[in-house]
Protein backbone atom coordinates (compact mmCIF):
# COMPACT_ATOMS: atom_id res chain seq x y z
CA MET A 1 -31.21 3.14 250.05
CA LYS A 2 -28.44 2.97 247.47
CA LEU A 3 -25.33 5.12 247.91
CA ASN A 4 -23.99 7.03 244.90
CA CYS A 5 -20.69 8.87 244.65
CA ASP A 6 -19.15 11.26 242.09
CA LEU A 7 -15.92 9.65 240.86
CA GLY A 8 -13.47 9.73 237.96
CA GLU A 9 -12.97 13.42 238.66
CA GLY A 10 -9.21 13.58 238.72
CA TYR A 11 -7.20 14.80 235.75
CA GLY A 12 -3.78 13.60 234.65
CA ILE A 13 -1.64 13.14 237.78
CA TRP A 14 -4.25 14.76 240.07
CA ARG A 15 -6.67 12.55 241.97
CA LEU A 16 -9.54 13.66 244.21
CA ALA A 17 -10.57 10.38 245.79
CA ASP A 18 -9.10 7.04 246.81
CA GLU A 19 -11.51 5.20 244.55
CA ALA A 20 -10.23 1.72 245.35
CA GLU A 21 -11.16 2.37 248.99
CA VAL A 22 -14.51 4.03 248.21
CA MET A 23 -15.93 1.49 245.73
CA PRO A 24 -16.65 -1.37 248.19
CA TYR A 25 -19.06 0.84 250.14
CA ILE A 26 -21.15 2.36 247.34
CA ASP A 27 -23.74 1.04 244.90
CA MET A 28 -23.54 3.62 242.10
CA ALA A 29 -20.52 5.46 240.66
CA ASN A 30 -21.22 8.71 238.82
CA ILE A 31 -18.18 8.81 236.53
CA ALA A 32 -17.04 12.07 234.93
CA CYS A 33 -17.01 12.23 231.14
CA GLY A 34 -14.02 14.47 230.44
CA TYR A 35 -15.67 17.90 230.25
CA HIS A 36 -15.54 19.12 233.85
CA ALA A 37 -12.95 16.54 234.93
CA GLY A 38 -11.50 13.18 234.00
CA ASP A 39 -9.12 12.02 231.28
CA PRO A 40 -9.52 8.77 229.29
CA LEU A 41 -7.00 6.77 231.33
CA SER A 42 -8.39 7.78 234.70
CA LEU A 43 -11.96 7.15 233.54
CA GLN A 44 -10.92 3.71 232.36
CA GLY A 45 -9.50 3.03 235.81
CA SER A 46 -12.75 4.13 237.49
CA ILE A 47 -14.78 1.91 235.18
CA ARG A 48 -12.59 -1.09 235.96
CA LEU A 49 -12.90 -0.52 239.71
CA ALA A 50 -16.68 -0.16 239.47
CA LYS A 51 -16.99 -3.35 237.46
CA ALA A 52 -14.73 -5.28 239.85
CA ASN A 53 -16.85 -4.19 242.82
CA GLY A 54 -20.25 -4.76 241.21
CA VAL A 55 -21.03 -1.03 241.27
CA GLN A 56 -23.47 0.48 238.76
CA ILE A 57 -21.87 3.00 236.40
CA GLY A 58 -23.56 6.31 235.70
CA ALA A 59 -22.45 8.99 233.25
CA HIS A 60 -21.70 12.31 234.98
CA PRO A 61 -21.68 14.91 232.17
CA GLY A 62 -21.06 18.60 232.80
CA TYR A 63 -20.25 21.88 231.14
CA PRO A 64 -16.85 22.11 229.34
CA ASP A 65 -15.23 23.87 232.30
CA LEU A 66 -12.07 22.16 233.54
CA ALA A 67 -10.76 25.29 235.26
CA GLY A 68 -13.98 25.79 237.22
CA PHE A 69 -14.62 22.08 237.81
CA GLY A 70 -17.95 22.44 236.04
CA ARG A 71 -19.40 24.54 238.85
CA ARG A 72 -19.90 27.67 236.73
CA SER A 73 -23.02 28.11 234.61
CA MET A 74 -22.42 28.64 230.92
CA ALA A 75 -24.60 30.51 228.41
CA CYS A 76 -25.25 27.54 226.12
CA GLN A 77 -28.14 27.18 223.72
CA PRO A 78 -30.40 24.14 224.32
CA GLU A 79 -29.14 22.40 221.18
CA GLU A 80 -25.55 22.87 222.39
CA ILE A 81 -26.40 21.26 225.73
CA THR A 82 -28.10 18.32 224.01
CA ALA A 83 -25.12 17.76 221.71
CA MET A 84 -22.47 18.11 224.44
CA VAL A 85 -24.30 15.66 226.71
CA ILE A 86 -24.69 13.09 223.91
CA TYR A 87 -20.98 13.53 223.13
CA GLN A 88 -20.04 12.82 226.75
CA LEU A 89 -22.38 9.84 227.07
CA GLY A 90 -20.87 8.36 223.92
CA ALA A 91 -17.34 8.78 225.25
CA LEU A 92 -18.06 7.04 228.55
CA GLN A 93 -20.16 4.34 226.90
CA GLY A 94 -17.28 3.58 224.52
CA LEU A 95 -14.86 3.11 227.42
CA CYS A 96 -17.44 0.97 229.23
CA ARG A 97 -18.02 -1.28 226.23
CA ALA A 98 -14.29 -1.85 225.92
CA GLU A 99 -14.33 -3.12 229.52
CA GLY A 100 -17.35 -5.36 228.99
CA THR A 101 -19.83 -3.19 230.87
CA LEU A 102 -22.33 -0.38 230.18
CA VAL A 103 -23.51 3.01 231.41
CA GLN A 104 -26.71 2.41 233.41
CA TYR A 105 -27.97 5.92 234.24
CA VAL A 106 -27.15 9.62 233.83
CA LYS A 107 -26.48 12.24 236.52
CA PRO A 108 -25.54 15.77 235.41
CA HIS A 109 -22.69 17.46 237.25
CA GLY A 110 -22.34 20.75 239.08
CA ALA A 111 -23.75 23.82 237.37
CA LEU A 112 -25.46 21.70 234.71
CA TYR A 113 -27.26 19.81 237.49
CA TRP A 114 -28.54 22.99 239.12
CA ASP A 115 -29.34 24.74 235.84
CA THR A 116 -31.45 21.71 234.96
CA LEU A 117 -33.53 22.22 238.10
CA ARG A 118 -33.85 26.00 237.64
CA ASP A 119 -34.40 26.32 233.90
CA GLN A 120 -36.95 24.24 232.01
CA ALA A 121 -35.10 24.83 228.72
CA VAL A 122 -31.98 23.21 230.19
CA MET A 123 -34.04 20.35 231.62
CA ARG A 124 -35.61 19.74 228.21
CA ALA A 125 -32.20 19.87 226.51
CA LEU A 126 -30.86 17.26 228.92
CA LEU A 127 -33.92 15.03 228.56
CA GLU A 128 -33.62 15.32 224.78
CA ALA A 129 -30.01 14.14 225.00
CA VAL A 130 -30.89 11.12 227.13
CA ALA A 131 -33.89 10.27 224.94
CA GLN A 132 -31.81 10.44 221.75
CA PHE A 133 -29.00 8.40 223.26
CA ASP A 134 -30.96 5.69 225.10
CA THR A 135 -34.39 6.06 226.74
CA ALA A 136 -33.58 3.06 228.95
CA LEU A 137 -31.14 5.24 230.93
CA PRO A 138 -32.79 6.90 233.95
CA LEU A 139 -31.88 10.51 234.74
CA MET A 140 -30.81 11.22 238.32
CA ILE A 141 -31.93 14.54 239.82
CA LEU A 142 -32.67 16.06 243.21
CA ALA A 143 -35.68 14.74 245.11
CA SER A 144 -37.23 18.19 245.51
CA LEU A 145 -40.64 19.68 246.19
CA GLN A 146 -41.02 20.24 242.41
CA ILE A 147 -40.56 16.58 241.55
CA ASP A 148 -44.07 16.14 240.10
CA ARG A 149 -43.33 18.84 237.51
CA TYR A 150 -40.02 17.18 236.61
CA ARG A 151 -41.73 13.82 236.25
CA GLN A 152 -44.25 15.30 233.83
CA LEU A 153 -41.45 16.74 231.70
CA ALA A 154 -39.48 13.48 231.76
CA ALA A 155 -42.57 11.51 230.73
CA GLU A 156 -42.82 13.62 227.55
CA TYR A 157 -39.43 12.21 226.51
CA GLY A 158 -40.01 8.67 227.75
CA VAL A 159 -37.26 9.03 230.35
CA GLU A 160 -37.50 7.73 233.93
CA LEU A 161 -36.15 9.69 236.88
CA LEU A 162 -33.96 8.53 239.73
CA LEU A 163 -34.35 10.75 242.79
CA GLU A 164 -31.40 11.53 245.00
CA ALA A 165 -30.80 13.19 248.34
CA PHE A 166 -27.53 14.50 249.80
CA ALA A 167 -25.96 13.29 253.03
CA ASP A 168 -23.51 16.16 253.46
CA ARG A 169 -25.37 19.23 252.16
CA ARG A 170 -27.68 21.49 254.16
CA TYR A 171 -31.26 21.78 252.89
CA GLY A 172 -33.16 25.04 252.69
CA PRO A 173 -36.81 25.27 253.79
CA ASP A 174 -37.93 25.10 250.14
CA GLY A 175 -36.30 21.70 249.70
CA SER A 176 -33.33 22.97 247.66
CA LEU A 177 -29.71 22.70 248.81
CA LEU A 178 -28.08 25.79 250.25
CA SER A 179 -25.48 27.32 247.93
CA ARG A 180 -21.89 26.35 248.71
CA THR A 181 -21.22 30.09 249.08
CA GLN A 182 -23.39 30.16 252.22
CA ALA A 183 -21.99 29.37 255.65
CA GLY A 184 -23.01 25.91 256.82
CA ALA A 185 -24.04 24.72 253.36
CA VAL A 186 -21.70 21.72 253.60
CA LEU A 187 -21.95 19.54 256.70
CA GLU A 188 -18.49 19.23 258.22
CA THR A 189 -18.64 16.66 261.01
CA THR A 190 -19.10 12.92 260.61
CA ALA A 191 -21.82 12.94 263.25
CA GLU A 192 -23.86 15.54 261.31
CA ILE A 193 -23.49 13.64 258.05
CA ILE A 194 -24.45 10.28 259.60
CA HIS A 195 -27.46 11.84 261.32
CA GLN A 196 -28.70 13.41 258.08
CA ALA A 197 -28.14 10.18 256.16
CA GLN A 198 -30.28 8.32 258.68
CA GLU A 199 -32.98 10.99 258.49
CA LEU A 200 -33.07 10.81 254.70
CA ALA A 201 -33.25 7.02 254.77
CA ARG A 202 -36.41 7.43 256.87
CA GLY A 203 -37.88 9.81 254.27
CA GLY A 204 -37.23 13.24 255.75
CA VAL A 205 -34.65 15.88 256.64
CA THR A 206 -34.30 18.88 258.94
CA ALA A 207 -33.97 22.12 256.95
CA SER A 208 -31.71 25.06 257.81
CA ASP A 209 -34.55 26.85 259.61
CA GLY A 210 -35.38 23.80 261.74
CA SER A 211 -38.45 22.80 259.76
CA ARG A 212 -39.03 19.21 258.66
CA LEU A 213 -39.16 18.27 255.00
CA GLN A 214 -40.41 15.07 253.43
CA VAL A 215 -37.83 13.69 250.99
CA ALA A 216 -38.60 10.50 249.07
CA ALA A 217 -35.30 9.52 247.45
CA ASP A 218 -34.09 6.40 245.67
CA THR A 219 -30.42 7.04 246.34
CA LEU A 220 -28.18 9.02 248.67
CA CYS A 221 -25.22 11.01 247.34
CA VAL A 222 -22.01 10.76 249.37
CA HIS A 223 -19.02 12.81 248.27
CA GLY A 224 -15.60 11.18 247.99
CA ASP A 225 -13.44 14.27 247.42
CA ASN A 226 -12.29 15.07 250.94
CA PRO A 227 -9.65 13.52 253.27
CA GLN A 228 -12.13 11.77 255.58
CA ALA A 229 -14.41 10.59 252.75
CA VAL A 230 -13.69 6.87 252.95
CA ALA A 231 -14.27 6.72 256.71
CA VAL A 232 -17.49 8.73 256.42
CA ILE A 233 -18.84 6.63 253.54
CA ARG A 234 -18.02 3.44 255.45
CA GLU A 235 -19.87 4.74 258.53
CA ILE A 236 -22.89 5.75 256.43
CA ARG A 237 -23.02 2.27 254.91
CA GLU A 238 -22.81 0.66 258.35
CA ALA A 239 -25.42 3.02 259.82
CA LEU A 240 -27.90 2.36 257.03
CA SER A 241 -27.26 -1.38 257.26
CA ARG A 242 -28.29 -1.31 260.94
CA ARG A 243 -31.68 0.22 260.20
């Protein structure tokens, strides 16, 4: 199972992850596009690190919400969402081309990610953006119980889906992730995260109520924005390699 990580999310002098340390252990870098985080120079640095480490580059577009880190939903019309996503894809693709590489997939960020799963109009707006920009780019979304419905929608636009699971987020019994506002929504200990990563690699996960869910994912998201991130990501890579 490939590991993906949200990167390029610093801004100016602020950095959230030690990307040079993270890159050797991941396969896919979801790089911010400047709306929820990231400035041109820091994005350029992330692109260069990804290229140097043979890591696939994905565009990570979000709502224009620097203050809220893109985690707040915004009342945007579908055509606004389509235009703002195309704008962000173009920005990251331009930086990639200058470095002799290309964007290879799209993963929405934060509130845009969750709005996409909750609201068909948002999902269609995002699919329209990807289809207009480049139908060869897969769209990464949560491997949920509604995945057949999402596949049908994506097929209308000629867009393929990449399905992801989360190593450090607690799952609800309906297959969604618990809100970060709920206690226990984010797994805190390395042991918990490694255990869940191994479960997901075997095609399942234990939900918050103790029930078992089947989760067929192509890639596993590991977050790099906490102090122990590099050590945890390294241990996940080693644990999955031993399977």
